[in-house]
């Protein structure tokens, strides 16, 4: 896994996009994390990439519940440190890694599941790169769609506090 992460770091270390100030850290409620991973139909061979990983909760939950490897990419160094600490405390540091970097520079070729909680303009900017990923890759977005790209599934979740969350799923075709 060390060689795998080294290759990712080389590609992801450059902060060349101008989105770092435009995407605030907003947590995804754990009920929504669970639903995102359920809709993805996670299997033991999956490798999850979480773009804009924040405190690491999606990657950590995936490792705890499904035993899969996960890479979180975050532009904020403090959040990367927090996520790595959270993974260590959760006992899944061997399965998850968090890197500081620009998600537009990241090599996505190893991902079989991609999770997003990014603004629509960023989703749209990522879309051409996402469409280059291998067939069968599942893309799950919390709250925001991808313009005219019709999702394969849409799920609404109402939390006990009354707030409604939407999850979009796309599965890449040949």
C-alpha atoms as a PDB file:
ATOM      1  CA  UNK A   1       0.000   0.000   0.000  1.00  0.00           C
ATOM      2  CA  UNK A   2       2.967   2.345   0.584  1.00  0.00           C
ATOM      3  CA  UNK A   3       3.908   2.367  -3.113  1.00  0.00           C
ATOM      4  CA  UNK A   4       0.274   2.918  -4.031  1.00  0.00           C
ATOM      5  CA  UNK A   5       0.049   5.941  -1.722  1.00  0.00           C
ATOM      6  CA  UNK A   6       3.383   7.352  -2.887  1.00  0.00           C
ATOM      7  CA  UNK A   7       2.099   7.449  -6.448  1.00  0.00           C
ATOM      8  CA  UNK A   8      -1.068   9.203  -5.294  1.00  0.00           C
ATOM      9  CA  UNK A   9       0.869  11.767  -3.287  1.00  0.00           C
ATOM     10  CA  UNK A  10       3.032  12.779  -6.217  1.00  0.00           C
ATOM     11  CA  UNK A  11      -0.073  13.551  -8.266  1.00  0.00           C
ATOM     12  CA  UNK A  12      -2.143  15.134  -5.487  1.00  0.00           C
ATOM     13  CA  UNK A  13       0.295  17.435  -3.720  1.00  0.00           C
ATOM     14  CA  UNK A  14      -0.117  20.444  -5.968  1.00  0.00           C
ATOM     15  CA  UNK A  15      -2.805  22.914  -4.948  1.00  0.00           C
ATOM     16  CA  UNK A  16      -3.384  24.267  -8.433  1.00  0.00           C
ATOM     17  CA  UNK A  17      -7.167  24.666  -8.394  1.00  0.00           C
ATOM     18  CA  UNK A  18      -8.772  27.787  -7.060  1.00  0.00           C
ATOM     19  CA  UNK A  19     -11.510  25.999  -5.075  1.00  0.00           C
ATOM     20  CA  UNK A  20      -9.800  25.769  -1.674  1.00  0.00           C
ATOM     21  CA  UNK A  21     -11.674  28.759  -0.288  1.00  0.00           C
ATOM     22  CA  UNK A  22     -14.990  27.857  -1.933  1.00  0.00           C
ATOM     23  CA  UNK A  23     -15.726  24.501  -0.299  1.00  0.00           C
ATOM     24  CA  UNK A  24     -16.382  24.769   3.416  1.00  0.00           C
ATOM     25  CA  UNK A  25     -16.088  21.721   5.634  1.00  0.00           C
ATOM     26  CA  UNK A  26     -19.601  20.492   6.366  1.00  0.00           C
ATOM     27  CA  UNK A  27     -19.968  17.108   8.031  1.00  0.00           C
ATOM     28  CA  UNK A  28     -22.072  14.347   6.565  1.00  0.00           C
ATOM     29  CA  UNK A  29     -24.376  12.861   9.203  1.00  0.00           C
ATOM     30  CA  UNK A  30     -23.549   9.221   9.935  1.00  0.00           C
ATOM     31  CA  UNK A  31     -27.018   8.134   8.795  1.00  0.00           C
ATOM     32  CA  UNK A  32     -26.227   9.644   5.392  1.00  0.00           C
ATOM     33  CA  UNK A  33     -22.769   8.009   5.328  1.00  0.00           C
ATOM     34  CA  UNK A  34     -24.425   4.629   5.940  1.00  0.00           C
ATOM     35  CA  UNK A  35     -26.946   5.218   3.166  1.00  0.00           C
ATOM     36  CA  UNK A  36     -24.234   6.388   0.731  1.00  0.00           C
ATOM     37  CA  UNK A  37     -22.269   3.191   1.233  1.00  0.00           C
ATOM     38  CA  UNK A  38     -25.366   0.995   1.107  1.00  0.00           C
ATOM     39  CA  UNK A  39     -26.505   2.504  -2.197  1.00  0.00           C
ATOM     40  CA  UNK A  40     -22.992   1.868  -3.561  1.00  0.00           C
ATOM     41  CA  UNK A  41     -23.382  -1.857  -2.834  1.00  0.00           C
ATOM     42  CA  UNK A  42     -19.864  -2.080  -1.410  1.00  0.00           C
ATOM     43  CA  UNK A  43     -18.022  -5.369  -1.926  1.00  0.00           C
ATOM     44  CA  UNK A  44     -14.750  -6.632  -0.386  1.00  0.00           C
ATOM     45  CA  UNK A  45     -12.723  -5.784  -3.523  1.00  0.00           C
ATOM     46  CA  UNK A  46     -13.750  -2.125  -3.612  1.00  0.00           C
ATOM     47  CA  UNK A  47     -11.376   0.791  -3.221  1.00  0.00           C
ATOM     48  CA  UNK A  48     -13.165   3.930  -2.126  1.00  0.00           C
ATOM     49  CA  UNK A  49     -11.931   7.444  -2.846  1.00  0.00           C
ATOM     50  CA  UNK A  50     -13.550  10.250  -0.880  1.00  0.00           C
ATOM     51  CA  UNK A  51     -12.989  13.648  -2.471  1.00  0.00           C
ATOM     52  CA  UNK A  52     -13.086  16.458   0.057  1.00  0.00           C
ATOM     53  CA  UNK A  53     -12.787  13.929   2.870  1.00  0.00           C
ATOM     54  CA  UNK A  54     -12.944  16.378   5.781  1.00  0.00           C
ATOM     55  CA  UNK A  55     -12.638  14.551   9.108  1.00  0.00           C
ATOM     56  CA  UNK A  56     -12.495  11.163   7.358  1.00  0.00           C
ATOM     57  CA  UNK A  57     -15.813   9.772   8.514  1.00  0.00           C
ATOM     58  CA  UNK A  58     -16.814   8.180   5.183  1.00  0.00           C
ATOM     59  CA  UNK A  59     -13.504   6.379   4.677  1.00  0.00           C
ATOM     60  CA  UNK A  60     -13.327   5.317   8.308  1.00  0.00           C
ATOM     61  CA  UNK A  61     -16.884   3.988   8.338  1.00  0.00           C
ATOM     62  CA  UNK A  62     -16.265   2.083   5.073  1.00  0.00           C
ATOM     63  CA  UNK A  63     -13.171   0.459   6.564  1.00  0.00           C
ATOM     64  CA  UNK A  64     -14.922  -0.410   9.834  1.00  0.00           C
ATOM     65  CA  UNK A  65     -18.105  -1.805   8.319  1.00  0.00           C
ATOM     66  CA  UNK A  66     -16.900  -3.283   5.024  1.00  0.00           C
ATOM     67  CA  UNK A  67     -13.172  -3.851   5.546  1.00  0.00           C
ATOM     68  CA  UNK A  68     -12.268  -2.029   2.335  1.00  0.00           C
ATOM     69  CA  UNK A  69      -9.339   0.231   1.517  1.00  0.00           C
ATOM     70  CA  UNK A  70     -10.053   3.915   1.199  1.00  0.00           C
ATOM     71  CA  UNK A  71      -8.226   7.076   0.214  1.00  0.00           C
ATOM     72  CA  UNK A  72      -9.460  10.464   1.386  1.00  0.00           C
ATOM     73  CA  UNK A  73      -8.283  13.606  -0.358  1.00  0.00           C
ATOM     74  CA  UNK A  74      -8.573  16.936   1.395  1.00  0.00           C
ATOM     75  CA  UNK A  75      -7.054  20.338   0.620  1.00  0.00           C
ATOM     76  CA  UNK A  76      -7.016  21.458   4.268  1.00  0.00           C
ATOM     77  CA  UNK A  77      -3.918  20.159   6.112  1.00  0.00           C
ATOM     78  CA  UNK A  78      -5.591  20.463   9.526  1.00  0.00           C
ATOM     79  CA  UNK A  79      -8.461  18.246   8.392  1.00  0.00           C
ATOM     80  CA  UNK A  80      -6.021  15.702   6.936  1.00  0.00           C
ATOM     81  CA  UNK A  81      -4.289  15.539  10.327  1.00  0.00           C
ATOM     82  CA  UNK A  82      -7.645  15.189  12.094  1.00  0.00           C
ATOM     83  CA  UNK A  83      -8.773  12.436   9.705  1.00  0.00           C
ATOM     84  CA  UNK A  84      -5.527  10.506  10.181  1.00  0.00           C
ATOM     85  CA  UNK A  85      -5.916  10.802  13.954  1.00  0.00           C
ATOM     86  CA  UNK A  86      -9.556   9.665  13.720  1.00  0.00           C
ATOM     87  CA  UNK A  87      -8.506   6.630  11.639  1.00  0.00           C
ATOM     88  CA  UNK A  88      -5.842   5.729  14.173  1.00  0.00           C
ATOM     89  CA  UNK A  89      -8.319   6.016  17.054  1.00  0.00           C
ATOM     90  CA  UNK A  90     -10.861   3.920  15.122  1.00  0.00           C
ATOM     91  CA  UNK A  91      -8.263   1.194  14.553  1.00  0.00           C
ATOM     92  CA  UNK A  92      -8.414   1.321  10.745  1.00  0.00           C
ATOM     93  CA  UNK A  93      -5.166   3.132   9.924  1.00  0.00           C
ATOM     94  CA  UNK A  94      -4.030   0.059   7.955  1.00  0.00           C
ATOM     95  CA  UNK A  95      -7.017   0.414   5.589  1.00  0.00           C
ATOM     96  CA  UNK A  96      -7.415   4.166   5.179  1.00  0.00           C
ATOM     97  CA  UNK A  97      -5.137   6.991   4.186  1.00  0.00           C
ATOM     98  CA  UNK A  98      -5.760  10.680   3.975  1.00  0.00           C
ATOM     99  CA  UNK A  99      -3.694  12.932   1.792  1.00  0.00           C
ATOM    100  CA  UNK A 100      -3.513  16.659   1.396  1.00  0.00           C
ATOM    101  CA  UNK A 101      -3.944  17.544  -2.218  1.00  0.00           C
ATOM    102  CA  UNK A 102      -5.925  18.882  -5.093  1.00  0.00           C
ATOM    103  CA  UNK A 103      -8.711  16.516  -6.105  1.00  0.00           C
ATOM    104  CA  UNK A 104      -8.398  17.754  -9.697  1.00  0.00           C
ATOM    105  CA  UNK A 105      -4.831  16.421  -9.846  1.00  0.00           C
ATOM    106  CA  UNK A 106      -5.516  13.045  -8.230  1.00  0.00           C
ATOM    107  CA  UNK A 107      -5.183   9.814 -10.190  1.00  0.00           C
ATOM    108  CA  UNK A 108      -8.640   8.231  -9.861  1.00  0.00           C
ATOM    109  CA  UNK A 109      -7.866   5.076 -11.855  1.00  0.00           C
ATOM    110  CA  UNK A 110      -7.801   2.710  -8.841  1.00  0.00           C
ATOM    111  CA  UNK A 111     -11.173   3.787  -7.427  1.00  0.00           C
ATOM    112  CA  UNK A 112     -14.196   1.535  -7.738  1.00  0.00           C
ATOM    113  CA  UNK A 113     -16.327   3.795  -5.524  1.00  0.00           C
ATOM    114  CA  UNK A 114     -16.101   7.585  -5.475  1.00  0.00           C
ATOM    115  CA  UNK A 115     -17.865   9.652  -2.812  1.00  0.00           C
ATOM    116  CA  UNK A 116     -18.476  13.382  -3.074  1.00  0.00           C
ATOM    117  CA  UNK A 117     -19.988  16.144  -0.993  1.00  0.00           C
ATOM    118  CA  UNK A 118     -18.936  19.031  -3.176  1.00  0.00           C
ATOM    119  CA  UNK A 119     -20.734  21.996  -4.710  1.00  0.00           C
ATOM    120  CA  UNK A 120     -22.437  21.488  -8.095  1.00  0.00           C
ATOM    121  CA  UNK A 121     -19.879  23.603 -10.010  1.00  0.00           C
ATOM    122  CA  UNK A 122     -17.063  21.449  -8.673  1.00  0.00           C
ATOM    123  CA  UNK A 123     -18.964  18.240  -9.472  1.00  0.00           C
ATOM    124  CA  UNK A 124     -19.401  19.503 -13.033  1.00  0.00           C
ATOM    125  CA  UNK A 125     -15.727  20.385 -13.326  1.00  0.00           C
ATOM    126  CA  UNK A 126     -14.837  16.865 -12.114  1.00  0.00           C
ATOM    127  CA  UNK A 127     -17.334  15.148 -14.395  1.00  0.00           C
ATOM    128  CA  UNK A 128     -15.027  14.746 -17.443  1.00  0.00           C
ATOM    129  CA  UNK A 129     -12.396  13.081 -15.221  1.00  0.00           C
ATOM    130  CA  UNK A 130     -15.034  10.888 -13.606  1.00  0.00           C
ATOM    131  CA  UNK A 131     -16.297   9.755 -17.010  1.00  0.00           C
ATOM    132  CA  UNK A 132     -12.769   8.496 -17.794  1.00  0.00           C
ATOM    133  CA  UNK A 133     -12.902   6.065 -14.873  1.00  0.00           C
ATOM    134  CA  UNK A 134     -13.435   2.354 -15.466  1.00  0.00           C
ATOM    135  CA  UNK A 135     -16.854   0.879 -16.189  1.00  0.00           C
ATOM    136  CA  UNK A 136     -18.693  -0.264 -13.086  1.00  0.00           C
ATOM    137  CA  UNK A 137     -17.309   2.503 -10.877  1.00  0.00           C
ATOM    138  CA  UNK A 138     -19.992   3.866  -8.582  1.00  0.00           C
ATOM    139  CA  UNK A 139     -20.139   7.599  -7.910  1.00  0.00           C
ATOM    140  CA  UNK A 140     -22.168   8.718  -4.912  1.00  0.00           C
ATOM    141  CA  UNK A 141     -22.841  12.385  -4.261  1.00  0.00           C
ATOM    142  CA  UNK A 142     -24.415  13.759  -1.119  1.00  0.00           C
ATOM    143  CA  UNK A 143     -26.833  16.574  -1.859  1.00  0.00           C
ATOM    144  CA  UNK A 144     -25.580  17.783  -5.273  1.00  0.00           C
ATOM    145  CA  UNK A 145     -26.166  16.351  -8.740  1.00  0.00           C
ATOM    146  CA  UNK A 146     -24.101  16.650 -11.911  1.00  0.00           C
ATOM    147  CA  UNK A 147     -26.228  18.788 -14.145  1.00  0.00           C
ATOM    148  CA  UNK A 148     -27.849  16.926 -17.013  1.00  0.00           C
ATOM    149  CA  UNK A 149     -26.185  13.600 -16.157  1.00  0.00           C
ATOM    150  CA  UNK A 150     -29.127  11.461 -15.060  1.00  0.00           C
ATOM    151  CA  UNK A 151     -28.370   9.442 -11.912  1.00  0.00           C
ATOM    152  CA  UNK A 152     -29.037   5.711 -11.813  1.00  0.00           C
ATOM    153  CA  UNK A 153     -30.641   6.143  -8.391  1.00  0.00           C
ATOM    154  CA  UNK A 154     -31.742   8.970  -6.144  1.00  0.00           C
ATOM    155  CA  UNK A 155     -32.452   8.363  -2.482  1.00  0.00           C
ATOM    156  CA  UNK A 156     -33.949  10.797  -0.002  1.00  0.00           C
ATOM    157  CA  UNK A 157     -33.243  10.403   3.693  1.00  0.00           C
ATOM    158  CA  UNK A 158     -35.144  12.221   6.407  1.00  0.00           C
ATOM    159  CA  UNK A 159     -33.232  12.464   9.669  1.00  0.00           C
ATOM    160  CA  UNK A 160     -34.766  12.640  13.150  1.00  0.00           C
ATOM    161  CA  UNK A 161     -34.106  16.404  13.197  1.00  0.00           C
ATOM    162  CA  UNK A 162     -36.457  16.742  10.204  1.00  0.00           C
ATOM    163  CA  UNK A 163     -33.737  17.623   7.699  1.00  0.00           C
ATOM    164  CA  UNK A 164     -33.882  15.850   4.366  1.00  0.00           C
ATOM    165  CA  UNK A 165     -30.750  14.708   2.542  1.00  0.00           C
ATOM    166  CA  UNK A 166     -30.473  13.519  -1.048  1.00  0.00           C
ATOM    167  CA  UNK A 167     -28.015  10.931  -2.326  1.00  0.00           C
ATOM    168  CA  UNK A 168     -27.273  10.507  -6.023  1.00  0.00           C
ATOM    169  CA  UNK A 169     -25.746   7.362  -7.526  1.00  0.00           C
ATOM    170  CA  UNK A 170     -24.232   6.988 -10.977  1.00  0.00           C
ATOM    171  CA  UNK A 171     -22.710   3.752 -12.251  1.00  0.00           C
ATOM    172  CA  UNK A 172     -20.247   4.198 -15.112  1.00  0.00           C
ATOM    173  CA  UNK A 173     -21.103   2.254 -18.236  1.00  0.00           C
ATOM    174  CA  UNK A 174     -18.824   0.957 -21.005  1.00  0.00           C
END
